[in-house]
Amino acid sequence: MDIGKTIANLRKSKDITQDDLAKKSNITQAYLSQIEKNRKEPNLSTIKDICLALGVPLAVLFFMALESSDVPANKQEMFNVMQPSMSGFFKTIFENEPSGN
């Protein structure tokens, strides 16, 4: 699961700076940078605050961050078929949209 990269991609698609997202999420820019680089693992409360600031439901962030290796071996084929369409669907809805905050 690559939550950091997913947060960074969503933030950039909405043209939000790290500093602005950090402020809206009640964390420091340095901490957000570490999260986006997967050097720090945020707690669920912080992830929820980031999702709220980005205007993206928590479940959507988690789905977008899923990688094939996160899925049980017996379900990877189905995941690999469904993931591109579902990710495209979520990107259409949640990327490039104002966060509303």
PDB file of N, CA and C in Angstrom:
ATOM      1  N   MET A   1       0.863  -1.173   0.000  1.00  0.00           N
ATOM      2  CA  MET A   1       0.000   0.000   0.000  1.00  0.00           C
ATOM      3  C   MET A   1       0.901   1.225   0.000  1.00  0.00           C
ATOM      4  N   ASP A   2       0.607   2.131  -0.892  1.00  0.00           N
ATOM      5  CA  ASP A   2       1.439   3.325  -1.004  1.00  0.00           C
ATOM      6  C   ASP A   2       0.597   4.569  -0.718  1.00  0.00           C
ATOM      7  N   ILE A   3       0.305   4.761   0.557  1.00  0.00           N
ATOM      8  CA  ILE A   3      -0.537   5.897   0.963  1.00  0.00           C
ATOM      9  C   ILE A   3       0.161   7.217   0.687  1.00  0.00           C
ATOM     10  N   GLY A   4       1.451   7.288   0.942  1.00  0.00           N
ATOM     11  CA  GLY A   4       2.182   8.536   0.739  1.00  0.00           C
ATOM     12  C   GLY A   4       2.117   9.022  -0.697  1.00  0.00           C
ATOM     13  N   LYS A   5       2.398   8.132  -1.627  1.00  0.00           N
ATOM     14  CA  LYS A   5       2.366   8.494  -3.052  1.00  0.00           C
ATOM     15  C   LYS A   5       0.951   8.892  -3.468  1.00  0.00           C
ATOM     16  N   THR A   6      -0.038   8.178  -2.944  1.00  0.00           N
ATOM     17  CA  THR A   6      -1.429   8.484  -3.280  1.00  0.00           C
ATOM     18  C   THR A   6      -1.818   9.869  -2.772  1.00  0.00           C
ATOM     19  N   ILE A   7      -1.422  10.190  -1.546  1.00  0.00           N
ATOM     20  CA  ILE A   7      -1.692  11.528  -1.002  1.00  0.00           C
ATOM     21  C   ILE A   7      -1.008  12.594  -1.859  1.00  0.00           C
ATOM     22  N   ALA A   8       0.250  12.358  -2.195  1.00  0.00           N
ATOM     23  CA  ALA A   8       0.996  13.329  -3.010  1.00  0.00           C
ATOM     24  C   ALA A   8       0.324  13.530  -4.366  1.00  0.00           C
ATOM     25  N   ASN A   9      -0.089  12.436  -5.011  1.00  0.00           N
ATOM     26  CA  ASN A   9      -0.735  12.546  -6.323  1.00  0.00           C
ATOM     27  C   ASN A   9      -2.059  13.306  -6.243  1.00  0.00           C
ATOM     28  N   LEU A  10      -2.848  13.007  -5.221  1.00  0.00           N
ATOM     29  CA  LEU A  10      -4.120  13.718  -5.057  1.00  0.00           C
ATOM     30  C   LEU A  10      -3.875  15.199  -4.780  1.00  0.00           C
ATOM     31  N   ARG A  11      -2.926  15.475  -3.907  1.00  0.00           N
ATOM     32  CA  ARG A  11      -2.609  16.873  -3.568  1.00  0.00           C
ATOM     33  C   ARG A  11      -2.183  17.642  -4.812  1.00  0.00           C
ATOM     34  N   LYS A  12      -1.285  17.052  -5.582  1.00  0.00           N
ATOM     35  CA  LYS A  12      -0.784  17.724  -6.785  1.00  0.00           C
ATOM     36  C   LYS A  12      -1.888  17.901  -7.826  1.00  0.00           C
ATOM     37  N   SER A  13      -2.763  16.902  -7.952  1.00  0.00           N
ATOM     38  CA  SER A  13      -3.834  16.992  -8.952  1.00  0.00           C
ATOM     39  C   SER A  13      -4.802  18.123  -8.621  1.00  0.00           C
ATOM     40  N   LYS A  14      -4.878  18.468  -7.339  1.00  0.00           N
ATOM     41  CA  LYS A  14      -5.763  19.549  -6.897  1.00  0.00           C
ATOM     42  C   LYS A  14      -5.014  20.874  -6.784  1.00  0.00           C
ATOM     43  N   ASP A  15      -3.753  20.860  -7.188  1.00  0.00           N
ATOM     44  CA  ASP A  15      -2.916  22.059  -7.171  1.00  0.00           C
ATOM     45  C   ASP A  15      -2.840  22.677  -5.764  1.00  0.00           C
ATOM     46  N   ILE A  16      -2.629  21.803  -4.776  1.00  0.00           N
ATOM     47  CA  ILE A  16      -2.483  22.236  -3.388  1.00  0.00           C
ATOM     48  C   ILE A  16      -1.033  22.046  -2.987  1.00  0.00           C
ATOM     49  N   THR A  17      -0.463  23.032  -2.358  1.00  0.00           N
ATOM     50  CA  THR A  17       0.928  22.905  -1.905  1.00  0.00           C
ATOM     51  C   THR A  17       0.982  22.024  -0.657  1.00  0.00           C
ATOM     52  N   GLN A  18       2.165  21.493  -0.401  1.00  0.00           N
ATOM     53  CA  GLN A  18       2.347  20.717   0.829  1.00  0.00           C
ATOM     54  C   GLN A  18       2.027  21.574   2.043  1.00  0.00           C
ATOM     55  N   ASP A  19       2.467  22.815   2.018  1.00  0.00           N
ATOM     56  CA  ASP A  19       2.240  23.703   3.152  1.00  0.00           C
ATOM     57  C   ASP A  19       0.745  23.908   3.399  1.00  0.00           C
ATOM     58  N   ASP A  20      -0.014  24.148   2.341  1.00  0.00           N
ATOM     59  CA  ASP A  20      -1.457  24.359   2.495  1.00  0.00           C
ATOM     60  C   ASP A  20      -2.158  23.099   3.000  1.00  0.00           C
ATOM     61  N   LEU A  21      -1.807  21.939   2.442  1.00  0.00           N
ATOM     62  CA  LEU A  21      -2.436  20.705   2.896  1.00  0.00           C
ATOM     63  C   LEU A  21      -2.062  20.414   4.336  1.00  0.00           C
ATOM     64  N   ALA A  22      -0.818  20.652   4.688  1.00  0.00           N
ATOM     65  CA  ALA A  22      -0.378  20.425   6.071  1.00  0.00           C
ATOM     66  C   ALA A  22      -1.180  21.297   7.037  1.00  0.00           C
ATOM     67  N   LYS A  23      -1.329  22.561   6.703  1.00  0.00           N
ATOM     68  CA  LYS A  23      -2.093  23.461   7.575  1.00  0.00           C
ATOM     69  C   LYS A  23      -3.531  23.012   7.718  1.00  0.00           C
ATOM     70  N   LYS A  24      -4.159  22.608   6.605  1.00  0.00           N
ATOM     71  CA  LYS A  24      -5.550  22.156   6.645  1.00  0.00           C
ATOM     72  C   LYS A  24      -5.690  20.836   7.400  1.00  0.00           C
ATOM     73  N   SER A  25      -4.604  20.084   7.491  1.00  0.00           N
ATOM     74  CA  SER A  25      -4.626  18.777   8.153  1.00  0.00           C
ATOM     75  C   SER A  25      -4.079  18.839   9.573  1.00  0.00           C
ATOM     76  N   ASN A  26      -3.707  20.039  10.022  1.00  0.00           N
ATOM     77  CA  ASN A  26      -3.182  20.237  11.380  1.00  0.00           C
ATOM     78  C   ASN A  26      -1.892  19.462  11.646  1.00  0.00           C
ATOM     79  N   ILE A  27      -1.031  19.421  10.625  1.00  0.00           N
ATOM     80  CA  ILE A  27       0.290  18.813  10.773  1.00  0.00           C
ATOM     81  C   ILE A  27       1.311  19.767  10.169  1.00  0.00           C
ATOM     82  N   THR A  28       2.576  19.485  10.371  1.00  0.00           N
ATOM     83  CA  THR A  28       3.606  20.347   9.780  1.00  0.00           C
ATOM     84  C   THR A  28       3.870  19.929   8.339  1.00  0.00           C
ATOM     85  N   GLN A  29       4.409  20.873   7.586  1.00  0.00           N
ATOM     86  CA  GLN A  29       4.783  20.572   6.203  1.00  0.00           C
ATOM     87  C   GLN A  29       5.869  19.503   6.177  1.00  0.00           C
ATOM     88  N   ALA A  30       6.790  19.543   7.124  1.00  0.00           N
ATOM     89  CA  ALA A  30       7.873  18.555   7.176  1.00  0.00           C
ATOM     90  C   ALA A  30       7.310  17.149   7.403  1.00  0.00           C
ATOM     91  N   TYR A  31       6.323  17.046   8.290  1.00  0.00           N
ATOM     92  CA  TYR A  31       5.699  15.749   8.554  1.00  0.00           C
ATOM     93  C   TYR A  31       4.954  15.250   7.318  1.00  0.00           C
ATOM     94  N   LEU A  32       4.220  16.129   6.641  1.00  0.00           N
ATOM     95  CA  LEU A  32       3.519  15.742   5.416  1.00  0.00           C
ATOM     96  C   LEU A  32       4.517  15.273   4.363  1.00  0.00           C
ATOM     97  N   SER A  33       5.617  15.958   4.244  1.00  0.00           N
ATOM     98  CA  SER A  33       6.654  15.548   3.293  1.00  0.00           C
ATOM     99  C   SER A  33       7.136  14.129   3.600  1.00  0.00           C
ATOM    100  N   GLN A  34       7.347  13.849   4.872  1.00  0.00           N
ATOM    101  CA  GLN A  34       7.786  12.512   5.279  1.00  0.00           C
ATOM    102  C   GLN A  34       6.709  11.463   4.976  1.00  0.00           C
ATOM    103  N   ILE A  35       5.452  11.818   5.161  1.00  0.00           N
ATOM    104  CA  ILE A  35       4.353  10.902   4.840  1.00  0.00           C
ATOM    105  C   ILE A  35       4.349  10.611   3.341  1.00  0.00           C
ATOM    106  N   GLU A  36       4.437  11.676   2.533  1.00  0.00           N
ATOM    107  CA  GLU A  36       4.387  11.510   1.082  1.00  0.00           C
ATOM    108  C   GLU A  36       5.557  10.687   0.557  1.00  0.00           C
ATOM    109  N   LYS A  37       6.671  10.714   1.244  1.00  0.00           N
ATOM    110  CA  LYS A  37       7.851   9.930   0.848  1.00  0.00           C
ATOM    111  C   LYS A  37       7.859   8.545   1.497  1.00  0.00           C
ATOM    112  N   ASN A  38       6.782   8.219   2.221  1.00  0.00           N
ATOM    113  CA  ASN A  38       6.650   6.952   2.935  1.00  0.00           C
ATOM    114  C   ASN A  38       7.766   6.728   3.957  1.00  0.00           C
ATOM    115  N   ARG A  39       8.250   7.815   4.523  1.00  0.00           N
ATOM    116  CA  ARG A  39       9.256   7.712   5.580  1.00  0.00           C
ATOM    117  C   ARG A  39       8.611   7.722   6.959  1.00  0.00           C
ATOM    118  N   LYS A  40       7.388   8.219   7.033  1.00  0.00           N
ATOM    119  CA  LYS A  40       6.602   8.221   8.269  1.00  0.00           C
ATOM    120  C   LYS A  40       5.247   7.616   7.955  1.00  0.00           C
ATOM    121  N   GLU A  41       4.730   6.841   8.895  1.00  0.00           N
ATOM    122  CA  GLU A  41       3.412   6.246   8.740  1.00  0.00           C
ATOM    123  C   GLU A  41       2.450   6.981   9.666  1.00  0.00           C
ATOM    124  N   PRO A  42       1.525   7.745   9.098  1.00  0.00           N
ATOM    125  CA  PRO A  42       0.604   8.528   9.933  1.00  0.00           C
ATOM    126  C   PRO A  42      -0.419   7.638  10.616  1.00  0.00           C
ATOM    127  N   ASN A  43      -0.940   8.123  11.728  1.00  0.00           N
ATOM    128  CA  ASN A  43      -2.015   7.375  12.383  1.00  0.00           C
ATOM    129  C   ASN A  43      -3.321   7.632  11.628  1.00  0.00           C
ATOM    130  N   LEU A  44      -4.330   6.856  11.957  1.00  0.00           N
ATOM    131  CA  LEU A  44      -5.604   6.937  11.242  1.00  0.00           C
ATOM    132  C   LEU A  44      -6.237   8.320  11.362  1.00  0.00           C
ATOM    133  N   SER A  45      -6.106   8.942  12.509  1.00  0.00           N
ATOM    134  CA  SER A  45      -6.668  10.276  12.710  1.00  0.00           C
ATOM    135  C   SER A  45      -6.041  11.282  11.742  1.00  0.00           C
ATOM    136  N   THR A  46      -4.751  11.192  11.564  1.00  0.00           N
ATOM    137  CA  THR A  46      -4.052  12.099  10.637  1.00  0.00           C
ATOM    138  C   THR A  46      -4.479  11.825   9.202  1.00  0.00           C
ATOM    139  N   ILE A  47      -4.610  10.558   8.852  1.00  0.00           N
ATOM    140  CA  ILE A  47      -5.058  10.216   7.495  1.00  0.00           C
ATOM    141  C   ILE A  47      -6.465  10.752   7.256  1.00  0.00           C
ATOM    142  N   LYS A  48      -7.334  10.641   8.250  1.00  0.00           N
ATOM    143  CA  LYS A  48      -8.688  11.180   8.123  1.00  0.00           C
ATOM    144  C   LYS A  48      -8.661  12.690   7.903  1.00  0.00           C
ATOM    145  N   ASP A  49      -7.795  13.389   8.655  1.00  0.00           N
ATOM    146  CA  ASP A  49      -7.684  14.845   8.488  1.00  0.00           C
ATOM    147  C   ASP A  49      -7.186  15.200   7.090  1.00  0.00           C
ATOM    148  N   ILE A  50      -6.235  14.437   6.591  1.00  0.00           N
ATOM    149  CA  ILE A  50      -5.713  14.669   5.239  1.00  0.00           C
ATOM    150  C   ILE A  50      -6.819  14.424   4.210  1.00  0.00           C
ATOM    151  N   CYS A  51      -7.566  13.343   4.374  1.00  0.00           N
ATOM    152  CA  CYS A  51      -8.669  13.042   3.459  1.00  0.00           C
ATOM    153  C   CYS A  51      -9.714  14.161   3.464  1.00  0.00           C
ATOM    154  N   LEU A  52     -10.043  14.633   4.637  1.00  0.00           N
ATOM    155  CA  LEU A  52     -11.011  15.725   4.756  1.00  0.00           C
ATOM    156  C   LEU A  52     -10.504  16.966   4.018  1.00  0.00           C
ATOM    157  N   ALA A  53      -9.227  17.280   4.211  1.00  0.00           N
ATOM    158  CA  ALA A  53      -8.642  18.455   3.551  1.00  0.00           C
ATOM    159  C   ALA A  53      -8.590  18.284   2.028  1.00  0.00           C
ATOM    160  N   LEU A  54      -8.422  17.044   1.577  1.00  0.00           N
ATOM    161  CA  LEU A  54      -8.372  16.780   0.134  1.00  0.00           C
ATOM    162  C   LEU A  54      -9.759  16.584  -0.480  1.00  0.00           C
ATOM    163  N   GLY A  55     -10.777  16.402   0.376  1.00  0.00           N
ATOM    164  CA  GLY A  55     -12.122  16.159  -0.140  1.00  0.00           C
ATOM    165  C   GLY A  55     -12.275  14.767  -0.722  1.00  0.00           C
ATOM    166  N   VAL A  56     -11.577  13.800  -0.128  1.00  0.00           N
ATOM    167  CA  VAL A  56     -11.593  12.422  -0.617  1.00  0.00           C
ATOM    168  C   VAL A  56     -11.983  11.501   0.534  1.00  0.00           C
ATOM    169  N   PRO A  57     -12.963  10.624   0.342  1.00  0.00           N
ATOM    170  CA  PRO A  57     -13.320   9.687   1.407  1.00  0.00           C
ATOM    171  C   PRO A  57     -12.143   8.775   1.765  1.00  0.00           C
ATOM    172  N   LEU A  58     -12.061   8.427   3.028  1.00  0.00           N
ATOM    173  CA  LEU A  58     -10.986   7.576   3.523  1.00  0.00           C
ATOM    174  C   LEU A  58     -10.908   6.262   2.746  1.00  0.00           C
ATOM    175  N   ALA A  59     -12.041   5.635   2.502  1.00  0.00           N
ATOM    176  CA  ALA A  59     -12.060   4.352   1.785  1.00  0.00           C
ATOM    177  C   ALA A  59     -11.494   4.496   0.371  1.00  0.00           C
ATOM    178  N   VAL A  60     -11.768   5.613  -0.271  1.00  0.00           N
ATOM    179  CA  VAL A  60     -11.248   5.848  -1.617  1.00  0.00           C
ATOM    180  C   VAL A  60      -9.731   5.987  -1.575  1.00  0.00           C
ATOM    181  N   LEU A  61      -9.215   6.739  -0.605  1.00  0.00           N
ATOM    182  CA  LEU A  61      -7.764   6.875  -0.474  1.00  0.00           C
ATOM    183  C   LEU A  61      -7.124   5.504  -0.294  1.00  0.00           C
ATOM    184  N   PHE A  62      -7.690   4.689   0.589  1.00  0.00           N
ATOM    185  CA  PHE A  62      -7.126   3.357   0.822  1.00  0.00           C
ATOM    186  C   PHE A  62      -7.175   2.507  -0.443  1.00  0.00           C
ATOM    187  N   PHE A  63      -8.287   2.554  -1.173  1.00  0.00           N
ATOM    188  CA  PHE A  63      -8.370   1.771  -2.411  1.00  0.00           C
ATOM    189  C   PHE A  63      -7.332   2.249  -3.420  1.00  0.00           C
ATOM    190  N   MET A  64      -7.228   3.556  -3.584  1.00  0.00           N
ATOM    191  CA  MET A  64      -6.278   4.088  -4.558  1.00  0.00           C
ATOM    192  C   MET A  64      -4.832   3.751  -4.182  1.00  0.00           C
ATOM    193  N   ALA A  65      -4.576   3.539  -2.902  1.00  0.00           N
ATOM    194  CA  ALA A  65      -3.228   3.231  -2.436  1.00  0.00           C
ATOM    195  C   ALA A  65      -2.897   1.736  -2.516  1.00  0.00           C
ATOM    196  N   LEU A  66      -3.909   0.901  -2.748  1.00  0.00           N
ATOM    197  CA  LEU A  66      -3.675  -0.544  -2.814  1.00  0.00           C
ATOM    198  C   LEU A  66      -2.744  -0.911  -3.958  1.00  0.00           C
ATOM    199  N   GLU A  67      -1.906  -1.881  -3.689  1.00  0.00           N
ATOM    200  CA  GLU A  67      -1.041  -2.458  -4.707  1.00  0.00           C
ATOM    201  C   GLU A  67      -1.354  -3.945  -4.782  1.00  0.00           C
ATOM    202  N   SER A  68      -1.022  -4.562  -5.872  1.00  0.00           N
ATOM    203  CA  SER A  68      -1.313  -5.978  -6.065  1.00  0.00           C
ATOM    204  C   SER A  68      -0.785  -6.832  -4.921  1.00  0.00           C
ATOM    205  N   SER A  69       0.362  -6.485  -4.402  1.00  0.00           N
ATOM    206  CA  SER A  69       0.965  -7.260  -3.314  1.00  0.00           C
ATOM    207  C   SER A  69       0.160  -7.172  -2.012  1.00  0.00           C
ATOM    208  N   ASP A  70      -0.759  -6.227  -1.906  1.00  0.00           N
ATOM    209  CA  ASP A  70      -1.599  -6.084  -0.716  1.00  0.00           C
ATOM    210  C   ASP A  70      -2.789  -7.047  -0.727  1.00  0.00           C
ATOM    211  N   VAL A  71      -3.043  -7.635  -1.869  1.00  0.00           N
ATOM    212  CA  VAL A  71      -4.219  -8.477  -2.065  1.00  0.00           C
ATOM    213  C   VAL A  71      -3.809  -9.949  -1.950  1.00  0.00           C
ATOM    214  N   PRO A  72      -4.639 -10.775  -1.297  1.00  0.00           N
ATOM    215  CA  PRO A  72      -4.308 -12.198  -1.210  1.00  0.00           C
ATOM    216  C   PRO A  72      -4.069 -12.802  -2.589  1.00  0.00           C
ATOM    217  N   ALA A  73      -3.150 -13.731  -2.663  1.00  0.00           N
ATOM    218  CA  ALA A  73      -2.748 -14.330  -3.939  1.00  0.00           C
ATOM    219  C   ALA A  73      -3.934 -14.858  -4.737  1.00  0.00           C
ATOM    220  N   ASN A  74      -4.900 -15.463  -4.056  1.00  0.00           N
ATOM    221  CA  ASN A  74      -6.036 -16.044  -4.772  1.00  0.00           C
ATOM    222  C   ASN A  74      -7.004 -14.987  -5.315  1.00  0.00           C
ATOM    223  N   LYS A  75      -6.792 -13.719  -4.984  1.00  0.00           N
ATOM    224  CA  LYS A  75      -7.671 -12.642  -5.472  1.00  0.00           C
ATOM    225  C   LYS A  75      -6.919 -11.620  -6.336  1.00  0.00           C
ATOM    226  N   GLN A  76      -5.635 -11.831  -6.536  1.00  0.00           N
ATOM    227  CA  GLN A  76      -4.842 -10.861  -7.293  1.00  0.00           C
ATOM    228  C   GLN A  76      -5.273 -10.738  -8.745  1.00  0.00           C
ATOM    229  N   GLU A  77      -5.652 -11.837  -9.366  1.00  0.00           N
ATOM    230  CA  GLU A  77      -6.077 -11.763 -10.764  1.00  0.00           C
ATOM    231  C   GLU A  77      -7.293 -10.849 -10.902  1.00  0.00           C
ATOM    232  N   MET A  78      -8.271 -11.031 -10.009  1.00  0.00           N
ATOM    233  CA  MET A  78      -9.469 -10.182 -10.049  1.00  0.00           C
ATOM    234  C   MET A  78      -9.094  -8.730  -9.754  1.00  0.00           C
ATOM    235  N   PHE A  79      -8.225  -8.517  -8.764  1.00  0.00           N
ATOM    236  CA  PHE A  79      -7.788  -7.158  -8.438  1.00  0.00           C
ATOM    237  C   PHE A  79      -7.125  -6.511  -9.651  1.00  0.00           C
ATOM    238  N   ASN A  80      -6.254  -7.254 -10.321  1.00  0.00           N
ATOM    239  CA  ASN A  80      -5.540  -6.703 -11.473  1.00  0.00           C
ATOM    240  C   ASN A  80      -6.470  -6.362 -12.632  1.00  0.00           C
ATOM    241  N   VAL A  81      -7.601  -7.047 -12.723  1.00  0.00           N
ATOM    242  CA  VAL A  81      -8.596  -6.740 -13.753  1.00  0.00           C
ATOM    243  C   VAL A  81      -9.408  -5.509 -13.359  1.00  0.00           C
ATOM    244  N   MET A  82      -9.810  -5.446 -12.095  1.00  0.00           N
ATOM    245  CA  MET A  82     -10.707  -4.383 -11.627  1.00  0.00           C
ATOM    246  C   MET A  82      -9.992  -3.075 -11.283  1.00  0.00           C
ATOM    247  N   GLN A  83      -8.785  -3.147 -10.781  1.00  0.00           N
ATOM    248  CA  GLN A  83      -8.085  -1.977 -10.253  1.00  0.00           C
ATOM    249  C   GLN A  83      -7.935  -0.828 -11.250  1.00  0.00           C
ATOM    250  N   PRO A  84      -7.522  -1.087 -12.491  1.00  0.00           N
ATOM    251  CA  PRO A  84      -7.379   0.057 -13.416  1.00  0.00           C
ATOM    252  C   PRO A  84      -8.687   0.821 -13.643  1.00  0.00           C
ATOM    253  N   SER A  85      -9.789   0.088 -13.796  1.00  0.00           N
ATOM    254  CA  SER A  85     -11.075   0.751 -14.018  1.00  0.00           C
ATOM    255  C   SER A  85     -11.527   1.518 -12.784  1.00  0.00           C
ATOM    256  N   MET A  86     -11.402   0.888 -11.621  1.00  0.00           N
ATOM    257  CA  MET A  86     -11.829   1.540 -10.382  1.00  0.00           C
ATOM    258  C   MET A  86     -10.952   2.757 -10.089  1.00  0.00           C
ATOM    259  N   SER A  87      -9.655   2.635 -10.275  1.00  0.00           N
ATOM    260  CA  SER A  87      -8.774   3.776 -10.034  1.00  0.00           C
ATOM    261  C   SER A  87      -9.095   4.914 -10.992  1.00  0.00           C
ATOM    262  N   GLY A  88      -9.350   4.577 -12.252  1.00  0.00           N
ATOM    263  CA  GLY A  88      -9.728   5.596 -13.226  1.00  0.00           C
ATOM    264  C   GLY A  88     -11.019   6.294 -12.838  1.00  0.00           C
ATOM    265  N   PHE A  89     -11.975   5.516 -12.352  1.00  0.00           N
ATOM    266  CA  PHE A  89     -13.250   6.060 -11.896  1.00  0.00           C
ATOM    267  C   PHE A  89     -13.029   7.037 -10.743  1.00  0.00           C
ATOM    268  N   PHE A  90     -12.252   6.622  -9.726  1.00  0.00           N
ATOM    269  CA  PHE A  90     -12.006   7.486  -8.577  1.00  0.00           C
ATOM    270  C   PHE A  90     -11.213   8.731  -8.968  1.00  0.00           C
ATOM    271  N   LYS A  91     -10.258   8.585  -9.865  1.00  0.00           N
ATOM    272  CA  LYS A  91      -9.483   9.752 -10.302  1.00  0.00           C
ATOM    273  C   LYS A  91     -10.389  10.758 -11.005  1.00  0.00           C
ATOM    274  N   THR A  92     -11.302  10.251 -11.821  1.00  0.00           N
ATOM    275  CA  THR A  92     -12.233  11.140 -12.513  1.00  0.00           C
ATOM    276  C   THR A  92     -13.070  11.942 -11.532  1.00  0.00           C
ATOM    277  N   ILE A  93     -13.471  11.301 -10.462  1.00  0.00           N
ATOM    278  CA  ILE A  93     -14.336  11.951  -9.483  1.00  0.00           C
ATOM    279  C   ILE A  93     -13.560  12.849  -8.523  1.00  0.00           C
ATOM    280  N   PHE A  94     -12.402  12.378  -8.030  1.00  0.00           N
ATOM    281  CA  PHE A  94     -11.742  13.056  -6.921  1.00  0.00           C
ATOM    282  C   PHE A  94     -10.482  13.835  -7.275  1.00  0.00           C
ATOM    283  N   GLU A  95      -9.859  13.576  -8.410  1.00  0.00           N
ATOM    284  CA  GLU A  95      -8.694  14.377  -8.779  1.00  0.00           C
ATOM    285  C   GLU A  95      -9.151  15.588  -9.565  1.00  0.00           C
ATOM    286  N   ASN A  96      -8.334  16.604  -9.543  1.00  0.00           N
ATOM    287  CA  ASN A  96      -8.599  17.849 -10.268  1.00  0.00           C
ATOM    288  C   ASN A  96      -9.862  18.557  -9.828  1.00  0.00           C
ATOM    289  N   GLU A  97     -10.387  18.189  -8.697  1.00  0.00           N
ATOM    290  CA  GLU A  97     -11.557  18.851  -8.134  1.00  0.00           C
ATOM    291  C   GLU A  97     -11.101  19.666  -6.926  1.00  0.00           C
ATOM    292  N   PRO A  98     -11.679  20.816  -6.714  1.00  0.00           N
ATOM    293  CA  PRO A  98     -11.342  21.572  -5.503  1.00  0.00           C
ATOM    294  C   PRO A  98     -11.672  20.751  -4.274  1.00  0.00           C
ATOM    295  N   SER A  99     -10.868  20.919  -3.236  1.00  0.00           N
ATOM    296  CA  SER A  99     -11.082  20.145  -2.012  1.00  0.00           C
ATOM    297  C   SER A  99     -12.293  20.620  -1.226  1.00  0.00           C
ATOM    298  N   GLY A 100     -12.772  21.796  -1.516  1.00  0.00           N
ATOM    299  CA  GLY A 100     -13.946  22.308  -0.821  1.00  0.00           C
ATOM    300  C   GLY A 100     -13.610  22.997   0.489  1.00  0.00           C
ATOM    301  N   ASN A 101     -12.349  23.077   0.807  1.00  0.00           N
ATOM    302  CA  ASN A 101     -11.919  23.704   2.069  1.00  0.00           C
ATOM    303  C   ASN A 101     -11.169  24.984   1.792  1.00  0.00           C
TER     304      ASN A 101
END
